[in-house]
Amino acid sequence: MPGTTKVRDVMTTPVVTLRADEKVEHAADVLAEKNVGALPVVDENGRLLGILRDDDLIASEARVHVPTFINFLGLGMAFPGEMKHLEQELKKIAGATVGDVMQTDPPTVRPDDTLEDVATLMHDRGVNSVPVVDADNKVVGIVARADVVRFIARTT
């Protein structure tokens, strides 16, 4: 059945989306509130610009962990240059927008693609969710691994 089942029959709608100019803090709140690992990022017309995955937020936080202090023979020494760098990175992340950290050009599928197509794409690209777009690149749904698993559970 995965070879004949259409994405439209499995995808989640309506889709919660983000805008590129929204703050990262807001995006993190939405991901947590909706209990999802990724959200499509769209323009004012609903066209796909990218996708924000929870991994993107973790990676942006990880970039600020710079060694700023060293313990040498029991004496602690701070590195002022590193402190300044850390401070700049923290300010950058605090003011970061979704557009600053999102993944551009994510893999997508169309509503008439098959469940087999999307499952193969997820496996090959190592992603847990894929936006579903129409011919105008407007987001019309999203398919997560959980959607695929639910479908298989329902039909077996």
N, C-alpha and C. Protein backbone atom coordinates (compact mmCIF):
# COMPACT_ATOMS: atom_id res chain seq x y z
N MET A 1 0.79 -1.21 0.00
CA MET A 1 0.00 0.00 0.00
C MET A 1 0.83 1.28 0.00
N PRO A 2 2.03 1.33 0.63
CA PRO A 2 2.82 2.57 0.60
C PRO A 2 3.15 3.03 -0.82
N GLY A 3 3.20 2.11 -1.76
CA GLY A 3 3.51 2.48 -3.13
C GLY A 3 2.35 3.17 -3.84
N THR A 4 1.13 2.99 -3.33
CA THR A 4 -0.04 3.60 -3.98
C THR A 4 -0.71 4.66 -3.12
N THR A 5 -0.44 4.68 -1.84
CA THR A 5 -1.04 5.69 -0.95
C THR A 5 -0.43 7.05 -1.24
N LYS A 6 -1.28 8.04 -1.41
CA LYS A 6 -0.83 9.40 -1.72
C LYS A 6 -0.47 10.16 -0.44
N VAL A 7 0.50 11.05 -0.58
CA VAL A 7 0.92 11.91 0.53
C VAL A 7 -0.27 12.66 1.11
N ARG A 8 -1.18 13.12 0.24
CA ARG A 8 -2.35 13.88 0.70
C ARG A 8 -3.18 13.10 1.73
N ASP A 9 -3.11 11.77 1.68
CA ASP A 9 -3.89 10.93 2.60
C ASP A 9 -3.20 10.74 3.95
N VAL A 10 -1.96 11.18 4.05
CA VAL A 10 -1.18 10.96 5.27
C VAL A 10 -0.74 12.27 5.91
N MET A 11 -0.60 13.33 5.12
CA MET A 11 -0.04 14.59 5.60
C MET A 11 -0.91 15.24 6.66
N THR A 12 -0.26 16.04 7.49
CA THR A 12 -0.95 16.81 8.53
C THR A 12 -1.34 18.17 7.96
N THR A 13 -2.59 18.53 8.16
CA THR A 13 -3.10 19.85 7.81
C THR A 13 -4.06 20.29 8.89
N PRO A 14 -4.28 21.53 9.14
CA PRO A 14 -3.50 22.64 8.60
C PRO A 14 -2.09 22.65 9.19
N VAL A 15 -1.20 23.32 8.50
CA VAL A 15 0.19 23.34 8.90
C VAL A 15 0.49 24.60 9.71
N VAL A 16 1.13 24.42 10.85
CA VAL A 16 1.64 25.55 11.62
C VAL A 16 2.93 25.97 10.93
N THR A 17 3.06 27.25 10.64
CA THR A 17 4.25 27.75 9.95
C THR A 17 4.87 28.90 10.74
N LEU A 18 6.07 29.24 10.33
CA LEU A 18 6.78 30.38 10.89
C LEU A 18 7.12 31.35 9.77
N ARG A 19 7.43 32.58 10.16
CA ARG A 19 7.92 33.58 9.21
C ARG A 19 9.40 33.79 9.49
N ALA A 20 10.15 34.13 8.48
CA ALA A 20 11.60 34.28 8.60
C ALA A 20 12.00 35.40 9.55
N ASP A 21 11.15 36.41 9.73
CA ASP A 21 11.50 37.54 10.58
C ASP A 21 11.12 37.35 12.05
N GLU A 22 10.53 36.20 12.39
CA GLU A 22 10.18 35.93 13.78
C GLU A 22 11.43 35.59 14.59
N LYS A 23 11.40 35.92 15.86
CA LYS A 23 12.53 35.65 16.75
C LYS A 23 12.64 34.16 17.04
N VAL A 24 13.87 33.72 17.24
CA VAL A 24 14.15 32.32 17.54
C VAL A 24 13.43 31.89 18.82
N GLU A 25 13.38 32.77 19.80
CA GLU A 25 12.70 32.42 21.06
C GLU A 25 11.24 32.07 20.82
N HIS A 26 10.58 32.84 19.95
CA HIS A 26 9.18 32.56 19.63
C HIS A 26 9.06 31.21 18.93
N ALA A 27 9.97 30.96 17.99
CA ALA A 27 9.95 29.69 17.26
C ALA A 27 10.12 28.51 18.21
N ALA A 28 11.03 28.64 19.17
CA ALA A 28 11.25 27.57 20.15
C ALA A 28 9.97 27.33 20.96
N ASP A 29 9.29 28.40 21.32
CA ASP A 29 8.02 28.27 22.05
C ASP A 29 6.98 27.52 21.23
N VAL A 30 6.89 27.85 19.94
CA VAL A 30 5.90 27.20 19.08
C VAL A 30 6.23 25.72 18.90
N LEU A 31 7.49 25.40 18.66
CA LEU A 31 7.89 24.00 18.54
C LEU A 31 7.51 23.22 19.79
N ALA A 32 7.77 23.80 20.95
CA ALA A 32 7.46 23.13 22.22
C ALA A 32 5.95 23.02 22.44
N GLU A 33 5.25 24.11 22.18
CA GLU A 33 3.79 24.13 22.38
C GLU A 33 3.08 23.13 21.49
N LYS A 34 3.51 23.03 20.25
CA LYS A 34 2.88 22.11 19.29
C LYS A 34 3.45 20.70 19.36
N ASN A 35 4.52 20.54 20.14
CA ASN A 35 5.17 19.24 20.30
C ASN A 35 5.59 18.65 18.96
N VAL A 36 6.27 19.49 18.16
CA VAL A 36 6.76 19.07 16.85
C VAL A 36 8.25 19.35 16.77
N GLY A 37 8.93 18.69 15.85
CA GLY A 37 10.36 18.85 15.71
C GLY A 37 10.78 19.76 14.57
N ALA A 38 9.80 20.20 13.76
CA ALA A 38 10.13 21.05 12.63
C ALA A 38 8.90 21.83 12.18
N LEU A 39 9.15 23.04 11.68
CA LEU A 39 8.07 23.86 11.13
C LEU A 39 8.54 24.51 9.84
N PRO A 40 7.69 24.50 8.82
CA PRO A 40 8.04 25.20 7.58
C PRO A 40 8.10 26.71 7.82
N VAL A 41 8.98 27.37 7.10
CA VAL A 41 9.09 28.82 7.14
C VAL A 41 8.58 29.33 5.80
N VAL A 42 7.62 30.24 5.85
CA VAL A 42 6.96 30.70 4.63
C VAL A 42 7.03 32.22 4.50
N ASP A 43 6.82 32.69 3.25
CA ASP A 43 6.72 34.13 3.02
C ASP A 43 5.27 34.57 3.24
N GLU A 44 4.98 35.83 2.94
CA GLU A 44 3.64 36.37 3.18
C GLU A 44 2.57 35.70 2.32
N ASN A 45 2.97 35.00 1.24
CA ASN A 45 2.02 34.30 0.38
C ASN A 45 1.92 32.81 0.67
N GLY A 46 2.61 32.37 1.72
CA GLY A 46 2.56 30.95 2.09
C GLY A 46 3.54 30.09 1.31
N ARG A 47 4.44 30.71 0.55
CA ARG A 47 5.43 29.94 -0.21
C ARG A 47 6.59 29.55 0.70
N LEU A 48 7.08 28.35 0.50
CA LEU A 48 8.14 27.79 1.33
C LEU A 48 9.46 28.53 1.12
N LEU A 49 10.05 28.98 2.23
CA LEU A 49 11.38 29.61 2.22
C LEU A 49 12.43 28.67 2.81
N GLY A 50 12.00 27.81 3.73
CA GLY A 50 12.92 26.91 4.41
C GLY A 50 12.18 26.14 5.47
N ILE A 51 12.94 25.53 6.34
CA ILE A 51 12.35 24.78 7.45
C ILE A 51 13.21 25.00 8.68
N LEU A 52 12.57 25.15 9.80
CA LEU A 52 13.28 25.27 11.07
C LEU A 52 13.08 23.97 11.83
N ARG A 53 14.17 23.28 12.08
CA ARG A 53 14.12 22.03 12.84
C ARG A 53 14.66 22.30 14.23
N ASP A 54 14.24 21.51 15.20
CA ASP A 54 14.74 21.69 16.56
C ASP A 54 16.25 21.57 16.59
N ASP A 55 16.82 20.77 15.69
CA ASP A 55 18.28 20.66 15.59
C ASP A 55 18.94 21.99 15.28
N ASP A 56 18.27 22.83 14.48
CA ASP A 56 18.82 24.14 14.13
C ASP A 56 18.95 25.02 15.36
N LEU A 57 17.99 24.91 16.27
CA LEU A 57 18.04 25.70 17.49
C LEU A 57 19.15 25.20 18.41
N ILE A 58 19.29 23.90 18.49
CA ILE A 58 20.35 23.32 19.32
C ILE A 58 21.72 23.70 18.77
N ALA A 59 21.86 23.65 17.45
CA ALA A 59 23.14 24.00 16.82
C ALA A 59 23.46 25.46 17.04
N SER A 60 22.46 26.34 16.97
CA SER A 60 22.74 27.76 17.17
C SER A 60 23.17 28.02 18.60
N GLU A 61 22.63 27.28 19.55
CA GLU A 61 23.04 27.43 20.95
C GLU A 61 24.44 26.87 21.17
N ALA A 62 24.75 25.78 20.51
CA ALA A 62 26.05 25.13 20.70
C ALA A 62 27.20 26.01 20.22
N ARG A 63 26.96 26.85 19.23
CA ARG A 63 28.02 27.69 18.69
C ARG A 63 28.55 28.69 19.71
N VAL A 64 27.81 28.97 20.79
CA VAL A 64 28.26 29.98 21.74
C VAL A 64 29.14 29.41 22.84
N HIS A 65 29.33 28.12 22.88
CA HIS A 65 30.13 27.51 23.95
C HIS A 65 31.61 27.59 23.60
N VAL A 66 32.19 28.70 23.96
CA VAL A 66 33.59 28.97 23.66
C VAL A 66 34.37 28.94 24.97
N PRO A 67 35.56 28.33 24.98
CA PRO A 67 36.33 28.33 26.23
C PRO A 67 36.71 29.76 26.61
N THR A 68 36.29 30.17 27.78
CA THR A 68 36.58 31.54 28.23
C THR A 68 37.40 31.55 29.51
N PHE A 69 37.69 30.39 30.02
CA PHE A 69 38.35 30.33 31.32
C PHE A 69 39.22 29.09 31.33
N ILE A 70 40.42 29.21 31.85
CA ILE A 70 41.30 28.05 31.91
C ILE A 70 41.85 27.94 33.32
N ASN A 71 41.96 26.73 33.78
CA ASN A 71 42.53 26.49 35.09
C ASN A 71 43.93 25.92 34.88
N PHE A 72 44.97 26.68 35.26
CA PHE A 72 46.35 26.27 35.05
C PHE A 72 47.07 26.27 36.39
N LEU A 73 47.50 25.10 36.84
CA LEU A 73 48.19 24.95 38.12
C LEU A 73 47.41 25.57 39.27
N GLY A 74 46.08 25.37 39.21
CA GLY A 74 45.26 25.87 40.30
C GLY A 74 44.92 27.35 40.20
N LEU A 75 45.44 28.03 39.20
CA LEU A 75 45.13 29.45 39.02
C LEU A 75 44.15 29.61 37.87
N GLY A 76 43.05 30.29 38.11
CA GLY A 76 42.07 30.53 37.06
C GLY A 76 42.44 31.75 36.26
N MET A 77 42.39 31.63 34.95
CA MET A 77 42.72 32.77 34.10
C MET A 77 41.61 32.93 33.06
N ALA A 78 41.02 34.12 33.00
CA ALA A 78 40.00 34.41 31.98
C ALA A 78 40.67 34.99 30.76
N PHE A 79 40.08 34.78 29.62
CA PHE A 79 40.59 35.34 28.38
C PHE A 79 39.65 36.44 27.93
N PRO A 80 40.04 37.69 28.14
CA PRO A 80 39.15 38.80 27.82
C PRO A 80 38.69 38.80 26.36
N GLY A 81 39.56 38.46 25.44
CA GLY A 81 39.16 38.41 24.04
C GLY A 81 38.07 37.39 23.82
N GLU A 82 38.18 36.25 24.45
CA GLU A 82 37.17 35.21 24.33
C GLU A 82 35.87 35.64 24.99
N MET A 83 35.95 36.36 26.08
CA MET A 83 34.75 36.85 26.76
C MET A 83 33.99 37.78 25.82
N LYS A 84 34.71 38.65 25.13
CA LYS A 84 34.06 39.57 24.21
C LYS A 84 33.39 38.80 23.08
N HIS A 85 34.08 37.77 22.56
CA HIS A 85 33.52 36.94 21.51
C HIS A 85 32.25 36.24 21.99
N LEU A 86 32.29 35.69 23.19
CA LEU A 86 31.13 35.01 23.76
C LEU A 86 29.97 35.98 23.91
N GLU A 87 30.26 37.17 24.39
CA GLU A 87 29.22 38.18 24.56
C GLU A 87 28.58 38.53 23.22
N GLN A 88 29.38 38.65 22.17
CA GLN A 88 28.85 38.96 20.84
C GLN A 88 27.97 37.82 20.33
N GLU A 89 28.42 36.59 20.55
CA GLU A 89 27.64 35.44 20.10
C GLU A 89 26.30 35.36 20.83
N LEU A 90 26.31 35.62 22.13
CA LEU A 90 25.07 35.60 22.91
C LEU A 90 24.10 36.67 22.41
N LYS A 91 24.62 37.86 22.12
CA LYS A 91 23.76 38.93 21.60
C LYS A 91 23.20 38.55 20.24
N LYS A 92 24.02 37.92 19.41
CA LYS A 92 23.57 37.51 18.08
C LYS A 92 22.43 36.50 18.18
N ILE A 93 22.58 35.54 19.07
CA ILE A 93 21.54 34.53 19.20
C ILE A 93 20.29 35.13 19.83
N ALA A 94 20.47 36.01 20.81
CA ALA A 94 19.30 36.63 21.44
C ALA A 94 18.49 37.42 20.43
N GLY A 95 19.16 38.00 19.44
CA GLY A 95 18.46 38.77 18.42
C GLY A 95 18.23 38.01 17.14
N ALA A 96 18.55 36.72 17.13
CA ALA A 96 18.45 35.92 15.91
C ALA A 96 17.01 35.74 15.48
N THR A 97 16.84 35.69 14.20
CA THR A 97 15.52 35.41 13.64
C THR A 97 15.51 33.99 13.08
N VAL A 98 14.33 33.53 12.81
CA VAL A 98 14.16 32.20 12.21
C VAL A 98 14.96 32.13 10.91
N GLY A 99 14.93 33.20 10.12
CA GLY A 99 15.67 33.23 8.87
C GLY A 99 17.17 33.07 9.03
N ASP A 100 17.68 33.48 10.20
CA ASP A 100 19.12 33.37 10.47
C ASP A 100 19.56 31.93 10.70
N VAL A 101 18.67 31.08 11.20
CA VAL A 101 19.07 29.73 11.59
C VAL A 101 18.36 28.61 10.83
N MET A 102 17.35 28.95 10.03
CA MET A 102 16.60 27.91 9.31
C MET A 102 17.44 27.26 8.23
N GLN A 103 16.99 26.10 7.80
CA GLN A 103 17.61 25.40 6.67
C GLN A 103 16.88 25.84 5.41
N THR A 104 17.63 26.33 4.46
CA THR A 104 17.01 26.72 3.19
C THR A 104 17.03 25.54 2.24
N ASP A 105 16.13 25.54 1.31
CA ASP A 105 16.02 24.49 0.29
C ASP A 105 15.86 23.08 0.89
N PRO A 106 14.89 22.90 1.78
CA PRO A 106 14.67 21.56 2.35
C PRO A 106 14.03 20.64 1.31
N PRO A 107 14.15 19.34 1.52
CA PRO A 107 13.46 18.42 0.62
C PRO A 107 11.95 18.60 0.78
N THR A 108 11.22 18.45 -0.31
CA THR A 108 9.76 18.59 -0.28
C THR A 108 9.13 17.47 -1.10
N VAL A 109 7.85 17.30 -0.90
CA VAL A 109 7.06 16.38 -1.71
C VAL A 109 5.78 17.11 -2.13
N ARG A 110 5.09 16.51 -3.09
CA ARG A 110 3.81 17.03 -3.59
C ARG A 110 2.68 16.15 -3.06
N PRO A 111 1.47 16.67 -3.00
CA PRO A 111 0.35 15.88 -2.49
C PRO A 111 0.11 14.57 -3.23
N ASP A 112 0.44 14.53 -4.53
CA ASP A 112 0.21 13.31 -5.30
C ASP A 112 1.37 12.33 -5.28
N ASP A 113 2.47 12.70 -4.62
CA ASP A 113 3.56 11.73 -4.44
C ASP A 113 3.06 10.61 -3.54
N THR A 114 3.77 9.51 -3.53
CA THR A 114 3.33 8.36 -2.72
C THR A 114 3.99 8.35 -1.35
N LEU A 115 3.40 7.59 -0.49
CA LEU A 115 3.96 7.39 0.84
C LEU A 115 5.34 6.75 0.74
N GLU A 116 5.51 5.88 -0.21
CA GLU A 116 6.82 5.27 -0.45
C GLU A 116 7.85 6.34 -0.84
N ASP A 117 7.44 7.30 -1.67
CA ASP A 117 8.34 8.40 -2.08
C ASP A 117 8.81 9.19 -0.86
N VAL A 118 7.87 9.58 0.00
CA VAL A 118 8.24 10.41 1.14
C VAL A 118 9.06 9.61 2.15
N ALA A 119 8.72 8.35 2.37
CA ALA A 119 9.49 7.52 3.31
C ALA A 119 10.92 7.34 2.81
N THR A 120 11.09 7.14 1.51
CA THR A 120 12.43 7.00 0.92
C THR A 120 13.20 8.30 1.07
N LEU A 121 12.55 9.43 0.81
CA LEU A 121 13.18 10.74 0.95
C LEU A 121 13.63 10.98 2.39
N MET A 122 12.78 10.67 3.34
CA MET A 122 13.13 10.84 4.76
C MET A 122 14.36 10.00 5.11
N HIS A 123 14.36 8.77 4.65
CA HIS A 123 15.48 7.88 4.94
C HIS A 123 16.76 8.38 4.28
N ASP A 124 16.68 8.68 2.99
CA ASP A 124 17.88 9.10 2.25
C ASP A 124 18.45 10.41 2.73
N ARG A 125 17.61 11.35 3.14
CA ARG A 125 18.07 12.68 3.56
C ARG A 125 18.23 12.79 5.07
N GLY A 126 17.82 11.77 5.80
CA GLY A 126 17.98 11.78 7.25
C GLY A 126 17.14 12.84 7.94
N VAL A 127 15.92 13.04 7.45
CA VAL A 127 15.02 14.03 8.06
C VAL A 127 13.80 13.33 8.64
N ASN A 128 13.20 13.98 9.62
CA ASN A 128 12.03 13.41 10.28
C ASN A 128 10.71 13.98 9.78
N SER A 129 10.78 15.06 9.02
CA SER A 129 9.56 15.66 8.48
C SER A 129 9.88 16.36 7.17
N VAL A 130 8.85 16.37 6.30
CA VAL A 130 9.01 16.94 4.97
C VAL A 130 7.79 17.80 4.65
N PRO A 131 8.02 19.07 4.27
CA PRO A 131 6.89 19.91 3.85
C PRO A 131 6.27 19.38 2.55
N VAL A 132 4.97 19.53 2.45
CA VAL A 132 4.23 19.18 1.23
C VAL A 132 3.87 20.51 0.57
N VAL A 133 4.27 20.67 -0.70
CA VAL A 133 4.03 21.92 -1.41
C VAL A 133 3.25 21.66 -2.69
N ASP A 134 2.51 22.70 -3.13
CA ASP A 134 1.79 22.60 -4.39
C ASP A 134 2.68 23.10 -5.53
N ALA A 135 2.10 23.23 -6.71
CA ALA A 135 2.86 23.64 -7.89
C ALA A 135 3.45 25.04 -7.77
N ASP A 136 2.85 25.88 -6.91
CA ASP A 136 3.35 27.25 -6.69
C ASP A 136 4.30 27.34 -5.50
N ASN A 137 4.71 26.19 -4.97
CA ASN A 137 5.61 26.10 -3.81
C ASN A 137 4.96 26.60 -2.52
N LYS A 138 3.62 26.59 -2.48
CA LYS A 138 2.91 26.96 -1.26
C LYS A 138 2.78 25.72 -0.39
N VAL A 139 2.97 25.90 0.91
CA VAL A 139 2.89 24.78 1.85
C VAL A 139 1.43 24.40 2.05
N VAL A 140 1.12 23.14 1.76
CA VAL A 140 -0.25 22.64 1.91
C VAL A 140 -0.35 21.54 2.96
N GLY A 141 0.79 21.09 3.48
CA GLY A 141 0.79 20.05 4.49
C GLY A 141 2.21 19.76 4.93
N ILE A 142 2.34 18.83 5.85
CA ILE A 142 3.65 18.36 6.28
C ILE A 142 3.50 16.89 6.65
N VAL A 143 4.52 16.11 6.35
CA VAL A 143 4.52 14.69 6.70
C VAL A 143 5.69 14.45 7.64
N ALA A 144 5.38 13.91 8.81
CA ALA A 144 6.39 13.53 9.78
C ALA A 144 6.48 12.01 9.83
N ARG A 145 7.60 11.52 10.34
CA ARG A 145 7.74 10.06 10.48
C ARG A 145 6.58 9.48 11.27
N ALA A 146 6.12 10.21 12.26
CA ALA A 146 4.99 9.73 13.08
C ALA A 146 3.73 9.54 12.23
N ASP A 147 3.53 10.40 11.23
CA ASP A 147 2.38 10.24 10.33
C ASP A 147 2.48 8.94 9.55
N VAL A 148 3.68 8.63 9.09
CA VAL A 148 3.91 7.39 8.34
C VAL A 148 3.66 6.18 9.24
N VAL A 149 4.19 6.23 10.45
CA VAL A 149 4.01 5.12 11.39
C VAL A 149 2.53 4.94 11.74
N ARG A 150 1.81 6.04 11.99
CA ARG A 150 0.37 5.95 12.29
C ARG A 150 -0.39 5.30 11.13
N PHE A 151 -0.04 5.69 9.92
CA PHE A 151 -0.71 5.12 8.75
C PHE A 151 -0.47 3.62 8.67
N ILE A 152 0.78 3.21 8.85
CA ILE A 152 1.10 1.77 8.80
C ILE A 152 0.37 1.02 9.89
N ALA A 153 0.30 1.60 11.09
CA ALA A 153 -0.41 0.95 12.20
C ALA A 153 -1.90 0.80 11.90
N ARG A 154 -2.50 1.81 11.28
CA ARG A 154 -3.92 1.77 10.95
C ARG A 154 -4.25 0.75 9.88
N THR A 155 -3.31 0.52 8.99
CA THR A 155 -3.63 -0.29 7.80
C THR A 155 -3.06 -1.70 7.86
N THR A 156 -2.41 -2.07 8.94
CA THR A 156 -1.88 -3.43 9.03
C THR A 156 -2.57 -4.22 10.11
